Amino acid sequence: MTATSVWRVWAFFIAGMIGGVPVLAAPEPVSLRLELRGYSLAPYIEFLQDRTGALTFAQVSAESMRREYRRLDTTAGGFGFNQSAWWVRFSLHNPNPRSVTYLVRQDYPLIDQIALWEKTPAGQWRERRSGDQLPFWQRDIEHRDFLFVFEVPADSVATYYMRFASKGPINIGLFLYSPESLIQTLSVDQLLNGLFYGAYLVLIAYNLCIFFVVRDRVFLYYLAYLFFTVMNLAIHSGFAFQFLWPDNPDWGNRSVGVFAVLAMVSVLQFARSVLALRRHSAALDRLSRLAMVSFACALPAAWLLPYPQLIALIALLASATAVIVLWLVSLRVLSGDTSAIYFLLAWVALLVGIGCYLMKSFGLLPHNFFTQHSTQIGCLIEMVLLSLALGSRFRVFRIESRTDSLTQLFNRRQFNELLQSEFNRATRFNQPLALLLLDIDHFKQLNDQFGHAEGDKVLKRIGGILSHSVRKPALSFRFGGEEFAVILPRTNATDAAAVAERLRRRIAKEFDQYERITISVGLAALLPTDSGSIEGLLDAADTALYEAKAHGRNCVVCSPALQAV
């Protein structure tokens, strides 16, 4: 090769590098040799941004515009919120001796306008339109995502153009399928979505059953939040448009704002209730109520504002909700509220899921299965954790309903239930059952002399002694006022008297001579051969306690002998 030839080749290469970068970078057509299943077209796509949205197909398909296209530099086209129209083109190569049918799936369903141009067998360009601003029946295939059928001629390369425009975020996620592989993929999708929404139905049924049992309105607030959240997810996944309002695309856009606001109001009300803000902090309760009223006032904006401004308002309110709830829950966690810990974990899971989805919407994360469904995954984790928070609250309320708040012993209501249960067991299995009634001596004088605060301290200390000194299966209770009770299953009168005497001595030893706190104990025992009743057992123990007081106090009397031990 001569020097002149070398320079010519080098000059041609430099010219190509300078003027023909997009041409050299043009992607290869997708070969249809194999059965493709969810094959991403992103590496094969070129895109063009139409900032005014005024370019026509004739203009963007002209040879002079060829160099204006750019290849995607990410795994998917997440272009975020903007007013531009986005043109994409790609080519499919069919090396087979016969024509083949393939389908392209756009798996982000909230695109307002999608147009597709393809060449007919006669060589003319044909346009097909879709998008969520058109009635659902106008789609090629009635599916929540946008599905386009392609008939690729034999032994040819076919080029296709698509135009995307939306008032919301633009996410271009095109995947290529053979008909067989699409059926398999949609079957798996149906299974996963069935499991996902089935899990929500289980949560709804479970918490509805609990509500009917406990009649606590917090479960209704949770169910409202759960319902509105599911509706939001159904809207963003395309199920709502497909099954609930397929002929009303305008409401489909408005529903985004309506159910988002309702979800935010309901989660604030749920947070107020489950965190008991009215009881723990009047200031935080007023703040949450003010936020709820403000958000509710934004509800008419779903009909009054244009869609871009509506989405901006929803994003602002959602950010405020995230901060307010996170702050409220964090304060309750610092105060030691167990249910608030579950709430905090649930809220963080939701925020992470929404954060991934928003980053995908703004093009900061790739458009894939996890980013597309991150909100659903985060919401499901959130709802499970919130259900655990409700379970924790339910357990706390159950404990509080049967526990004396001062002494932490079982209360009179629980005494009645457990005494009935133990009485039935003793009768059924022919086992003895003993009952102790304990009364603090001269307690009224103690209150009069030292005040009720000091009397409460004495009650609390005696409650602690009973709690630590009475071993299972024995049960101790605050019977009322300065009276306590101990149920002793499978215990005869002799053994019960020994327990009662040990308690009397332990309490007398706990308080010094200056305090002089003592107790009187009445004991009654039911033998298997006795034909007694609960009322008789209680009356006998109460009579024995009265006799103990009459015998000078600080003693144990057993019924029916009514003798001091």
Protein backbone atom coordinates (compact mmCIF):
# COMPACT_ATOMS: atom_id res chain seq x y z
CA MET A 1 0.00 0.00 0.00
CA THR A 2 1.43 3.39 -1.01
CA ALA A 3 1.77 6.31 1.38
CA THR A 4 -1.00 8.10 -0.48
CA SER A 5 -3.35 5.15 0.04
CA VAL A 6 -2.53 5.03 3.72
CA TRP A 7 -3.31 8.73 4.14
CA ARG A 8 -6.59 8.28 2.27
CA VAL A 9 -7.68 5.47 4.57
CA TRP A 10 -6.65 7.47 7.64
CA ALA A 11 -8.47 10.57 6.41
CA PHE A 12 -11.63 8.51 5.74
CA PHE A 13 -11.43 7.06 9.28
CA ILE A 14 -10.99 10.51 10.88
CA ALA A 15 -13.92 11.86 8.87
CA GLY A 16 -16.05 8.98 10.03
CA MET A 17 -15.02 9.56 13.64
CA ILE A 18 -15.81 13.28 13.48
CA GLY A 19 -19.01 13.31 11.48
CA GLY A 20 -20.40 9.87 11.93
CA VAL A 21 -20.29 8.97 15.62
CA PRO A 22 -24.04 8.27 15.88
CA VAL A 23 -23.88 6.18 12.74
CA LEU A 24 -21.02 4.08 14.07
CA ALA A 25 -22.86 3.77 17.36
CA ALA A 26 -26.14 2.72 15.76
CA PRO A 27 -27.38 -0.49 17.43
CA GLU A 28 -27.71 -3.76 15.59
CA PRO A 29 -31.18 -5.13 14.85
CA VAL A 30 -32.60 -7.71 17.23
CA SER A 31 -32.22 -11.15 15.67
CA LEU A 32 -35.37 -13.28 15.89
CA ARG A 33 -33.53 -16.58 15.68
CA LEU A 34 -34.45 -17.75 19.16
CA GLU A 35 -37.59 -17.79 21.28
CA LEU A 36 -37.33 -14.52 23.17
CA ARG A 37 -38.84 -14.17 26.61
CA GLY A 38 -38.88 -10.71 28.13
CA TYR A 39 -35.87 -9.68 26.07
CA SER A 40 -35.09 -6.04 26.82
CA LEU A 41 -34.94 -3.82 23.77
CA ALA A 42 -33.04 -1.09 25.64
CA PRO A 43 -29.62 -1.96 24.12
CA TYR A 44 -31.18 -1.82 20.65
CA ILE A 45 -33.14 1.41 21.02
CA GLU A 46 -32.27 4.85 19.74
CA PHE A 47 -34.18 7.82 21.12
CA LEU A 48 -34.88 11.40 20.14
CA GLN A 49 -36.16 14.10 22.47
CA ASP A 50 -38.81 16.40 20.99
CA ARG A 51 -38.83 19.28 23.47
CA THR A 52 -41.78 21.05 21.85
CA GLY A 53 -43.77 17.91 21.10
CA ALA A 54 -44.45 19.29 17.61
CA LEU A 55 -42.33 16.99 15.44
CA THR A 56 -44.23 14.74 13.05
CA PHE A 57 -43.44 11.20 12.03
CA ALA A 58 -42.38 12.38 8.59
CA GLN A 59 -39.85 14.68 10.19
CA VAL A 60 -38.36 12.22 12.70
CA SER A 61 -38.14 9.43 10.14
CA ALA A 62 -36.40 11.58 7.55
CA GLU A 63 -32.83 10.70 6.64
CA SER A 64 -31.69 14.15 7.75
CA MET A 65 -32.77 13.35 11.34
CA ARG A 66 -30.83 10.10 11.44
CA ARG A 67 -27.88 11.63 13.24
CA GLU A 68 -30.10 13.25 15.91
CA TYR A 69 -30.95 9.91 17.52
CA ARG A 70 -28.91 8.68 20.47
CA ARG A 71 -28.55 5.27 22.00
CA LEU A 72 -29.79 4.62 25.51
CA ASP A 73 -26.93 4.62 27.98
CA THR A 74 -28.96 2.86 30.70
CA THR A 75 -30.84 -0.42 30.88
CA ALA A 76 -34.14 1.42 30.32
CA GLY A 77 -35.49 4.82 29.39
CA GLY A 78 -36.44 6.57 32.60
CA PHE A 79 -36.80 10.22 31.57
CA GLY A 80 -38.74 11.49 34.60
CA PHE A 81 -41.23 14.37 34.52
CA ASN A 82 -41.01 16.68 31.49
CA GLN A 83 -43.14 18.10 28.72
CA SER A 84 -41.13 16.57 25.90
CA ALA A 85 -42.26 13.90 23.52
CA TRP A 86 -39.83 11.01 23.16
CA TRP A 87 -39.31 9.15 19.90
CA VAL A 88 -37.66 5.75 19.85
CA ARG A 89 -36.78 3.43 17.02
CA PHE A 90 -35.52 -0.11 16.82
CA SER A 91 -35.17 -2.83 14.22
CA LEU A 92 -36.06 -6.51 14.20
CA HIS A 93 -34.23 -8.96 11.94
CA ASN A 94 -36.12 -12.04 10.83
CA PRO A 95 -33.65 -14.48 9.20
CA ASN A 96 -36.32 -17.17 8.87
CA PRO A 97 -37.82 -18.14 5.50
CA ARG A 98 -41.31 -17.31 6.77
CA SER A 99 -42.87 -14.37 8.58
CA VAL A 100 -42.96 -14.50 12.37
CA THR A 101 -45.16 -12.90 15.03
CA TYR A 102 -43.66 -11.22 18.07
CA LEU A 103 -45.01 -8.90 20.74
CA VAL A 104 -43.50 -5.87 22.42
CA ARG A 105 -44.56 -5.07 25.97
CA GLN A 106 -44.34 -1.57 27.46
CA ASP A 107 -44.51 -2.47 31.16
CA TYR A 108 -45.15 0.98 32.63
CA PRO A 109 -48.93 1.48 32.29
CA LEU A 110 -49.27 5.20 33.14
CA ILE A 111 -48.25 6.65 29.78
CA ASP A 112 -50.79 9.09 28.33
CA GLN A 113 -50.00 8.66 24.66
CA ILE A 114 -48.14 5.95 22.78
CA ALA A 115 -48.01 5.77 18.99
CA LEU A 116 -46.37 3.07 16.88
CA TRP A 117 -45.41 3.27 13.20
CA GLU A 118 -44.70 0.17 11.15
CA LYS A 119 -44.51 -0.61 7.45
CA THR A 120 -47.32 -2.56 5.85
CA PRO A 121 -46.64 -5.29 3.25
CA ALA A 122 -47.44 -2.62 0.64
CA GLY A 123 -44.56 -0.50 1.91
CA GLN A 124 -46.74 2.19 3.50
CA TRP A 125 -46.30 3.40 7.07
CA ARG A 126 -49.20 2.53 9.37
CA GLU A 127 -49.85 4.21 12.74
CA ARG A 128 -51.29 2.52 15.82
CA ARG A 129 -52.28 4.47 18.93
CA SER A 130 -52.56 3.50 22.57
CA GLY A 131 -52.13 5.07 26.01
CA ASP A 132 -54.12 5.54 29.19
CA GLN A 133 -55.99 8.51 27.73
CA LEU A 134 -57.80 6.20 25.35
CA PRO A 135 -60.57 3.75 26.34
CA PHE A 136 -59.18 0.39 27.31
CA TRP A 137 -60.84 -1.53 24.45
CA GLN A 138 -58.80 0.37 21.86
CA ARG A 139 -55.61 -1.47 22.79
CA ASP A 140 -54.19 -4.19 20.55
CA ILE A 141 -54.55 -6.63 23.43
CA GLU A 142 -56.66 -5.78 26.48
CA HIS A 143 -54.00 -6.01 29.14
CA ARG A 144 -52.98 -3.66 31.94
CA ASP A 145 -49.64 -3.04 30.20
CA PHE A 146 -49.35 -1.91 26.59
CA LEU A 147 -48.89 -4.88 24.23
CA PHE A 148 -48.14 -4.46 20.51
CA VAL A 149 -48.23 -7.31 18.00
CA PHE A 150 -45.58 -7.29 15.24
CA GLU A 151 -45.68 -9.36 12.08
CA VAL A 152 -42.09 -9.39 10.83
CA PRO A 153 -41.76 -10.41 7.14
CA ALA A 154 -39.55 -13.33 6.15
CA ASP A 155 -35.82 -12.75 5.67
CA SER A 156 -36.00 -9.02 6.34
CA VAL A 157 -35.10 -6.23 8.72
CA ALA A 158 -38.09 -4.19 9.87
CA THR A 159 -37.69 -0.81 11.56
CA TYR A 160 -40.27 0.57 13.97
CA TYR A 161 -40.85 4.03 15.42
CA MET A 162 -42.66 4.80 18.65
CA ARG A 163 -43.65 8.10 20.23
CA PHE A 164 -44.18 8.52 24.00
CA ALA A 165 -45.80 11.57 25.60
CA SER A 166 -47.26 11.95 29.08
CA LYS A 167 -48.06 14.56 31.67
CA GLY A 168 -46.61 12.20 34.25
CA PRO A 169 -43.21 10.50 34.30
CA ILE A 170 -41.88 8.91 31.13
CA ASN A 171 -40.58 5.39 31.63
CA ILE A 172 -39.84 3.48 28.47
CA GLY A 173 -39.48 -0.20 29.25
CA LEU A 174 -39.87 -2.23 26.06
CA PHE A 175 -39.52 -6.01 26.16
CA LEU A 176 -39.76 -8.46 23.28
CA TYR A 177 -41.66 -11.77 23.51
CA SER A 178 -42.64 -14.62 21.31
CA PRO A 179 -46.36 -15.47 21.69
CA GLU A 180 -45.57 -18.65 23.64
CA SER A 181 -43.13 -16.95 26.01
CA LEU A 182 -45.56 -14.07 26.62
CA ILE A 183 -48.26 -16.52 27.71
CA GLN A 184 -45.81 -18.11 30.16
CA THR A 185 -44.70 -14.70 31.47
CA LEU A 186 -48.26 -13.45 31.93
CA SER A 187 -49.13 -16.66 33.77
CA VAL A 188 -46.30 -16.02 36.23
CA ASP A 189 -47.37 -12.37 36.53
CA GLN A 190 -50.93 -13.43 37.32
CA LEU A 191 -49.66 -15.81 39.98
CA LEU A 192 -47.43 -13.19 41.63
CA ASN A 193 -50.11 -10.50 41.53
CA GLY A 194 -52.65 -13.00 42.83
CA LEU A 195 -50.35 -13.77 45.76
CA PHE A 196 -49.71 -10.08 46.34
CA TYR A 197 -53.33 -8.95 46.36
CA GLY A 198 -54.34 -12.17 48.10
CA ALA A 199 -51.99 -11.25 50.93
CA TYR A 200 -53.79 -7.92 51.21
CA LEU A 201 -57.15 -9.69 51.33
CA VAL A 202 -55.85 -11.91 54.14
CA LEU A 203 -54.73 -8.82 56.07
CA ILE A 204 -58.12 -7.19 55.51
CA ALA A 205 -60.04 -10.28 56.64
CA TYR A 206 -57.76 -10.85 59.64
CA ASN A 207 -58.01 -7.30 60.95
CA LEU A 208 -61.73 -7.12 60.21
CA CYS A 209 -62.27 -10.19 62.39
CA ILE A 210 -60.21 -8.61 65.17
CA PHE A 211 -62.28 -5.43 64.90
CA PHE A 212 -65.52 -7.37 65.35
CA VAL A 213 -64.04 -8.92 68.49
CA VAL A 214 -62.43 -5.89 70.16
CA ARG A 215 -64.54 -3.08 68.63
CA ASP A 216 -61.52 -0.79 68.58
CA ARG A 217 -61.79 1.91 65.89
CA VAL A 218 -58.04 1.83 65.26
CA PHE A 219 -58.63 -1.33 63.23
CA LEU A 220 -61.11 0.56 61.05
CA TYR A 221 -58.52 3.28 60.45
CA TYR A 222 -56.01 0.60 59.51
CA LEU A 223 -58.49 -1.03 57.13
CA ALA A 224 -59.23 2.34 55.52
CA TYR A 225 -55.52 2.99 55.01
CA LEU A 226 -55.05 -0.53 53.69
CA PHE A 227 -57.93 -0.14 51.21
CA PHE A 228 -56.77 3.22 49.87
CA THR A 229 -53.21 1.92 49.58
CA VAL A 230 -54.37 -1.11 47.60
CA MET A 231 -56.36 1.20 45.32
CA ASN A 232 -53.26 3.34 44.73
CA LEU A 233 -51.24 0.26 43.86
CA ALA A 234 -53.99 -0.99 41.54
CA ILE A 235 -53.99 2.37 39.78
CA HIS A 236 -50.21 2.48 39.32
CA SER A 237 -50.06 -1.13 38.14
CA GLY A 238 -52.87 -0.67 35.58
CA PHE A 239 -55.35 -3.06 37.21
CA ALA A 240 -57.77 -0.29 38.17
CA PHE A 241 -57.99 0.99 34.59
CA GLN A 242 -58.40 -2.53 33.24
CA PHE A 243 -61.09 -3.78 35.63
CA LEU A 244 -62.69 -0.82 37.43
CA TRP A 245 -63.01 2.06 34.96
CA PRO A 246 -61.83 0.88 31.49
CA ASP A 247 -64.05 3.38 29.65
CA ASN A 248 -63.21 6.42 31.77
CA PRO A 249 -59.58 7.46 31.15
CA ASP A 250 -60.15 10.96 32.57
CA TRP A 251 -61.18 9.52 35.94
CA GLY A 252 -58.19 7.20 35.66
CA ASN A 253 -55.92 10.24 35.80
CA ARG A 254 -57.94 11.99 38.50
CA SER A 255 -58.10 8.88 40.65
CA VAL A 256 -54.34 9.10 41.18
CA GLY A 257 -54.81 12.26 43.23
CA VAL A 258 -58.03 11.22 44.95
CA PHE A 259 -56.80 7.94 46.37
CA ALA A 260 -53.37 9.35 47.19
CA VAL A 261 -54.96 12.09 49.36
CA LEU A 262 -57.33 9.61 51.01
CA ALA A 263 -54.42 7.30 51.80
CA MET A 264 -52.46 10.16 53.40
CA VAL A 265 -55.43 11.30 55.51
CA SER A 266 -56.18 7.76 56.65
CA VAL A 267 -52.55 7.00 57.60
CA LEU A 268 -52.41 10.15 59.72
CA GLN A 269 -55.63 9.19 61.50
CA PHE A 270 -54.30 5.67 61.96
CA ALA A 271 -51.03 7.03 63.38
CA ARG A 272 -52.97 9.30 65.79
CA SER A 273 -54.94 6.35 67.05
CA VAL A 274 -52.34 3.58 67.22
CA LEU A 275 -49.79 5.90 68.85
CA ALA A 276 -52.43 7.26 71.27
CA LEU A 277 -51.31 10.84 70.61
CA ARG A 278 -54.33 12.36 72.36
CA ARG A 279 -53.30 10.64 75.59
CA HIS A 280 -49.55 11.11 75.32
CA SER A 281 -49.11 14.50 73.62
CA ALA A 282 -51.80 17.09 72.98
CA ALA A 283 -49.39 19.15 70.83
CA LEU A 284 -48.56 16.24 68.51
CA ASP A 285 -52.23 15.34 68.31
CA ARG A 286 -53.13 18.89 67.23
CA LEU A 287 -50.35 18.83 64.63
CA SER A 288 -51.58 15.57 63.12
CA ARG A 289 -55.18 16.80 63.05
CA LEU A 290 -54.10 20.04 61.35
CA ALA A 291 -52.23 18.03 58.72
CA MET A 292 -55.28 15.82 58.14
CA VAL A 293 -57.58 18.79 57.62
CA SER A 294 -55.08 20.46 55.29
CA PHE A 295 -54.71 17.33 53.19
CA ALA A 296 -58.47 16.79 53.05
CA CYS A 297 -58.89 20.35 51.73
CA ALA A 298 -56.58 19.38 48.84
CA LEU A 299 -59.01 16.69 47.66
CA PRO A 300 -60.93 18.98 45.24
CA ALA A 301 -57.62 19.69 43.51
CA ALA A 302 -57.94 16.28 41.83
CA TRP A 303 -60.68 17.82 39.65
CA LEU A 304 -59.52 21.46 39.54
CA LEU A 305 -55.80 21.24 38.79
CA PRO A 306 -54.17 20.11 35.54
CA TYR A 307 -52.52 16.72 35.86
CA PRO A 308 -48.88 17.96 36.10
CA GLN A 309 -49.76 20.42 38.88
CA LEU A 310 -51.85 17.74 40.59
CA ILE A 311 -48.90 15.35 40.60
CA ALA A 312 -46.66 18.11 41.99
CA LEU A 313 -49.18 18.78 44.78
CA ILE A 314 -49.45 15.07 45.58
CA ALA A 315 -45.66 14.81 45.72
CA LEU A 316 -45.55 17.78 48.14
CA LEU A 317 -48.26 16.34 50.38
CA ALA A 318 -46.67 12.89 50.30
CA SER A 319 -43.33 14.38 51.38
CA ALA A 320 -45.03 16.24 54.22
CA THR A 321 -46.85 13.07 55.29
CA ALA A 322 -43.61 11.09 55.27
CA VAL A 323 -41.86 13.63 57.47
CA ILE A 324 -44.78 14.12 59.89
CA VAL A 325 -45.42 10.42 60.42
CA LEU A 326 -41.71 9.65 60.75
CA TRP A 327 -41.37 12.38 63.36
CA LEU A 328 -44.44 11.28 65.33
CA VAL A 329 -43.41 7.63 65.32
CA SER A 330 -39.81 8.42 66.28
CA LEU A 331 -40.95 10.42 69.29
CA ARG A 332 -43.16 7.55 70.44
CA VAL A 333 -40.30 5.06 69.96
CA LEU A 334 -38.06 7.21 72.17
CA SER A 335 -40.78 7.15 74.83
CA GLY A 336 -40.71 3.33 74.88
CA ASP A 337 -43.89 2.54 72.93
CA THR A 338 -43.50 -1.03 71.59
CA SER A 339 -46.13 -0.68 68.86
CA ALA A 340 -44.34 2.44 67.61
CA ILE A 341 -41.24 0.35 66.85
CA TYR A 342 -43.25 -1.80 64.43
CA PHE A 343 -44.75 1.38 62.98
CA LEU A 344 -41.29 2.90 62.46
CA LEU A 345 -39.98 -0.20 60.68
CA ALA A 346 -43.13 -0.31 58.54
CA TRP A 347 -42.82 3.35 57.58
CA VAL A 348 -39.16 2.99 56.68
CA ALA A 349 -39.96 -0.02 54.47
CA LEU A 350 -42.63 2.02 52.68
CA LEU A 351 -40.35 5.03 52.21
CA VAL A 352 -37.57 2.85 50.80
CA GLY A 353 -40.02 1.27 48.34
CA ILE A 354 -41.47 4.63 47.27
CA GLY A 355 -37.98 6.12 47.09
CA CYS A 356 -36.83 3.44 44.66
CA TYR A 357 -39.94 3.95 42.56
CA LEU A 358 -39.48 7.73 42.43
CA MET A 359 -35.80 7.41 41.56
CA LYS A 360 -36.84 5.12 38.73
CA SER A 361 -39.48 7.65 37.63
CA PHE A 362 -36.90 10.43 37.51
CA GLY A 363 -34.42 8.26 35.65
CA LEU A 364 -32.00 7.84 38.56
CA LEU A 365 -32.53 4.06 38.77
CA PRO A 366 -33.04 1.61 35.91
CA HIS A 367 -36.53 0.50 34.99
CA ASN A 368 -36.69 -3.17 35.97
CA PHE A 369 -38.94 -5.56 37.90
CA PHE A 370 -37.75 -4.46 41.35
CA THR A 371 -37.86 -0.69 40.74
CA GLN A 372 -41.22 -0.98 38.94
CA HIS A 373 -42.73 -2.98 41.84
CA SER A 374 -40.71 -1.49 44.69
CA THR A 375 -43.73 0.42 46.01
CA GLN A 376 -45.81 -2.77 46.05
CA ILE A 377 -43.06 -4.67 47.85
CA GLY A 378 -42.54 -1.86 50.37
CA CYS A 379 -46.29 -1.52 50.95
CA LEU A 380 -46.73 -5.22 51.60
CA ILE A 381 -43.88 -5.22 54.12
CA GLU A 382 -45.37 -2.09 55.68
CA MET A 383 -48.84 -3.57 56.04
CA VAL A 384 -47.53 -6.75 57.63
CA LEU A 385 -45.50 -4.73 60.14
CA LEU A 386 -48.45 -2.43 60.85
CA SER A 387 -50.56 -5.50 61.48
CA LEU A 388 -47.93 -6.59 63.98
CA ALA A 389 -48.13 -3.13 65.53
CA LEU A 390 -51.86 -3.57 65.91
CA GLY A 391 -51.28 -7.01 67.38
CA SER A 392 -48.87 -5.48 69.89
CA ARG A 393 -51.43 -2.81 70.72
CA PHE A 394 -54.11 -5.49 71.07
CA ARG A 395 -51.91 -7.45 73.47
CA VAL A 396 -51.18 -4.31 75.49
CA PHE A 397 -54.87 -3.45 75.71
CA ARG A 398 -55.68 -7.02 76.65
CA ILE A 399 -53.08 -6.92 79.41
CA GLU A 400 -54.32 -3.51 80.57
CA SER A 401 -57.93 -4.72 80.62
CA ARG A 402 -57.08 -7.56 83.00
CA THR A 403 -54.25 -5.95 85.01
CA ASP A 404 -54.33 -3.49 87.86
CA SER A 405 -52.23 -0.51 86.75
CA LEU A 406 -50.83 0.21 90.23
CA THR A 407 -49.77 -3.22 91.44
CA GLN A 408 -49.46 -4.97 88.03
CA LEU A 409 -51.46 -7.88 89.46
CA PHE A 410 -54.55 -9.30 87.80
CA ASN A 411 -57.64 -7.17 88.48
CA ARG A 412 -61.10 -8.09 89.81
CA ARG A 413 -62.47 -8.77 86.32
CA GLN A 414 -59.73 -11.29 85.62
CA PHE A 415 -60.24 -12.76 89.10
CA ASN A 416 -63.85 -13.57 88.30
CA GLU A 417 -62.93 -15.23 84.99
CA LEU A 418 -60.02 -17.28 86.33
CA LEU A 419 -61.82 -18.34 89.51
CA GLN A 420 -64.64 -19.69 87.36
CA SER A 421 -62.14 -21.51 85.16
CA GLU A 422 -60.24 -23.02 88.11
CA PHE A 423 -63.46 -23.97 89.86
CA ASN A 424 -64.65 -25.84 86.75
CA ARG A 425 -61.28 -27.60 86.42
CA ALA A 426 -61.26 -28.62 90.10
CA THR A 427 -64.77 -30.03 89.82
CA ARG A 428 -64.04 -31.87 86.56
CA PHE A 429 -60.80 -33.51 87.76
CA ASN A 430 -61.74 -33.91 91.46
CA GLN A 431 -58.91 -31.66 92.62
CA PRO A 432 -58.85 -29.37 95.66
CA LEU A 433 -59.05 -25.61 95.24
CA ALA A 434 -58.15 -22.98 97.83
CA LEU A 435 -58.79 -19.24 97.98
CA LEU A 436 -57.02 -16.60 100.08
CA LEU A 437 -58.43 -13.14 100.71
CA LEU A 438 -55.88 -10.67 102.15
CA ASP A 439 -56.64 -7.27 103.66
CA ILE A 440 -54.14 -4.63 104.83
CA ASP A 441 -54.69 -3.84 108.52
CA HIS A 442 -55.52 -0.23 109.43
CA PHE A 443 -55.04 0.93 105.85
CA LYS A 444 -57.50 3.81 106.23
CA GLN A 445 -55.48 5.21 109.11
CA LEU A 446 -52.35 4.93 106.97
CA ASN A 447 -53.97 6.99 104.21
CA ASP A 448 -55.28 9.56 106.67
CA GLN A 449 -51.92 9.98 108.40
CA PHE A 450 -49.48 9.80 105.45
CA GLY A 451 -51.66 10.55 102.44
CA HIS A 452 -52.87 8.50 99.47
CA ALA A 453 -49.51 8.67 97.71
CA GLU A 454 -47.91 6.78 100.57
CA GLY A 455 -50.83 4.36 100.61
CA ASP A 456 -50.28 3.68 96.89
CA LYS A 457 -46.63 2.89 97.58
CA VAL A 458 -47.68 0.32 100.19
CA LEU A 459 -50.15 -1.27 97.77
CA LYS A 460 -47.47 -1.41 95.08
CA ARG A 461 -44.93 -3.02 97.43
CA ILE A 462 -47.40 -5.65 98.61
CA GLY A 463 -48.33 -6.34 94.98
CA GLY A 464 -44.66 -6.92 94.26
CA ILE A 465 -44.36 -9.33 97.20
CA LEU A 466 -47.34 -11.35 95.99
CA SER A 467 -46.06 -11.36 92.44
CA HIS A 468 -42.66 -12.77 93.48
CA SER A 469 -43.77 -15.01 96.34
CA VAL A 470 -46.75 -16.78 94.76
CA ARG A 471 -45.54 -19.49 92.40
CA LYS A 472 -47.47 -21.02 89.52
CA PRO A 473 -50.04 -22.43 89.19
CA ALA A 474 -51.14 -20.06 91.98
CA LEU A 475 -52.55 -16.71 90.81
CA SER A 476 -52.54 -13.41 92.67
CA PHE A 477 -54.95 -10.48 92.24
CA ARG A 478 -55.78 -7.05 93.51
CA PHE A 479 -59.30 -7.71 94.69
CA GLY A 480 -60.23 -4.08 95.29
CA GLY A 481 -59.07 -1.19 97.49
CA GLU A 482 -56.65 -2.62 100.07
CA GLU A 483 -57.78 -6.21 99.46
CA PHE A 484 -55.86 -8.88 97.53
CA ALA A 485 -56.70 -12.44 96.55
CA VAL A 486 -54.72 -15.60 95.78
CA ILE A 487 -56.17 -18.62 93.96
CA LEU A 488 -54.36 -21.88 94.78
CA PRO A 489 -55.30 -24.69 92.35
CA ARG A 490 -54.70 -28.30 93.42
CA THR A 491 -54.06 -27.10 96.99
CA ASN A 492 -55.81 -28.41 100.14
CA ALA A 493 -56.60 -26.37 103.25
CA THR A 494 -53.42 -27.40 105.13
CA ASP A 495 -51.06 -26.42 102.33
CA ALA A 496 -53.01 -23.24 101.64
CA ALA A 497 -52.72 -22.25 105.31
CA ALA A 498 -48.92 -22.68 105.07
CA VAL A 499 -48.83 -20.40 102.00
CA ALA A 500 -51.00 -17.81 103.72
CA GLU A 501 -48.83 -17.81 106.83
CA ARG A 502 -45.68 -17.44 104.75
CA LEU A 503 -47.16 -14.43 102.96
CA ARG A 504 -48.29 -12.86 106.24
CA ARG A 505 -44.80 -13.15 107.71
CA ARG A 506 -43.12 -11.97 104.51
CA ILE A 507 -45.22 -8.79 104.42
CA ALA A 508 -44.78 -8.09 108.12
CA LYS A 509 -41.01 -8.44 107.65
CA GLU A 510 -40.98 -6.17 104.58
CA PHE A 511 -42.18 -3.15 106.56
CA ASP A 512 -40.22 -1.94 109.61
CA GLN A 513 -41.67 -1.28 113.03
CA TYR A 514 -42.21 2.38 112.19
CA GLU A 515 -44.51 1.52 109.26
CA ARG A 516 -46.17 -1.43 111.06
CA ILE A 517 -47.89 -2.78 107.97
CA THR A 518 -49.55 -6.17 108.48
CA ILE A 519 -52.26 -8.18 106.76
CA SER A 520 -55.16 -10.38 107.79
CA VAL A 521 -55.92 -13.47 105.70
CA GLY A 522 -59.15 -15.41 105.23
CA LEU A 523 -58.83 -18.90 103.74
CA ALA A 524 -61.41 -21.24 102.23
CA ALA A 525 -60.79 -24.58 100.52
CA LEU A 526 -63.02 -26.65 98.27
CA LEU A 527 -62.62 -30.44 98.39
CA PRO A 528 -63.51 -32.77 95.52
CA THR A 529 -66.27 -34.32 97.58
CA ASP A 530 -67.82 -30.96 98.43
CA SER A 531 -70.91 -29.89 96.56
CA GLY A 532 -69.93 -26.24 96.83
CA SER A 533 -70.13 -23.28 94.52
CA ILE A 534 -68.01 -20.26 93.64
CA GLU A 535 -70.29 -18.02 95.66
CA GLY A 536 -69.96 -20.35 98.64
CA LEU A 537 -66.16 -20.39 98.33
CA LEU A 538 -66.04 -16.59 98.18
CA ASP A 539 -68.44 -16.20 101.11
CA ALA A 540 -66.44 -18.67 103.20
CA ALA A 541 -63.16 -16.85 102.49
CA ASP A 542 -64.76 -13.49 103.20
CA THR A 543 -66.20 -14.77 106.49
CA ALA A 544 -62.79 -16.15 107.45
CA LEU A 545 -61.23 -12.74 106.68
CA TYR A 546 -63.82 -11.05 108.87
CA GLU A 547 -62.97 -13.45 111.68
CA ALA A 548 -59.25 -12.74 111.22
CA LYS A 549 -59.97 -9.05 111.71
CA ALA A 550 -62.06 -9.89 114.79
CA HIS A 551 -59.23 -12.00 116.23
CA GLY A 552 -56.91 -9.01 116.40
CA ARG A 553 -55.66 -8.83 112.78
CA ASN A 554 -52.22 -9.90 111.53
CA CYS A 555 -53.33 -13.54 111.39
CA VAL A 556 -54.71 -16.27 109.13
CA VAL A 557 -58.17 -17.83 109.65
CA CYS A 558 -59.32 -20.92 107.82
CA SER A 559 -62.98 -21.61 107.07
CA PRO A 560 -65.05 -23.52 108.12
CA ALA A 561 -63.04 -23.99 111.32
CA LEU A 562 -62.75 -20.20 111.67
CA GLN A 563 -59.70 -20.57 113.82
CA ALA A 564 -56.64 -18.37 113.78
CA VAL A 565 -53.50 -20.10 112.55
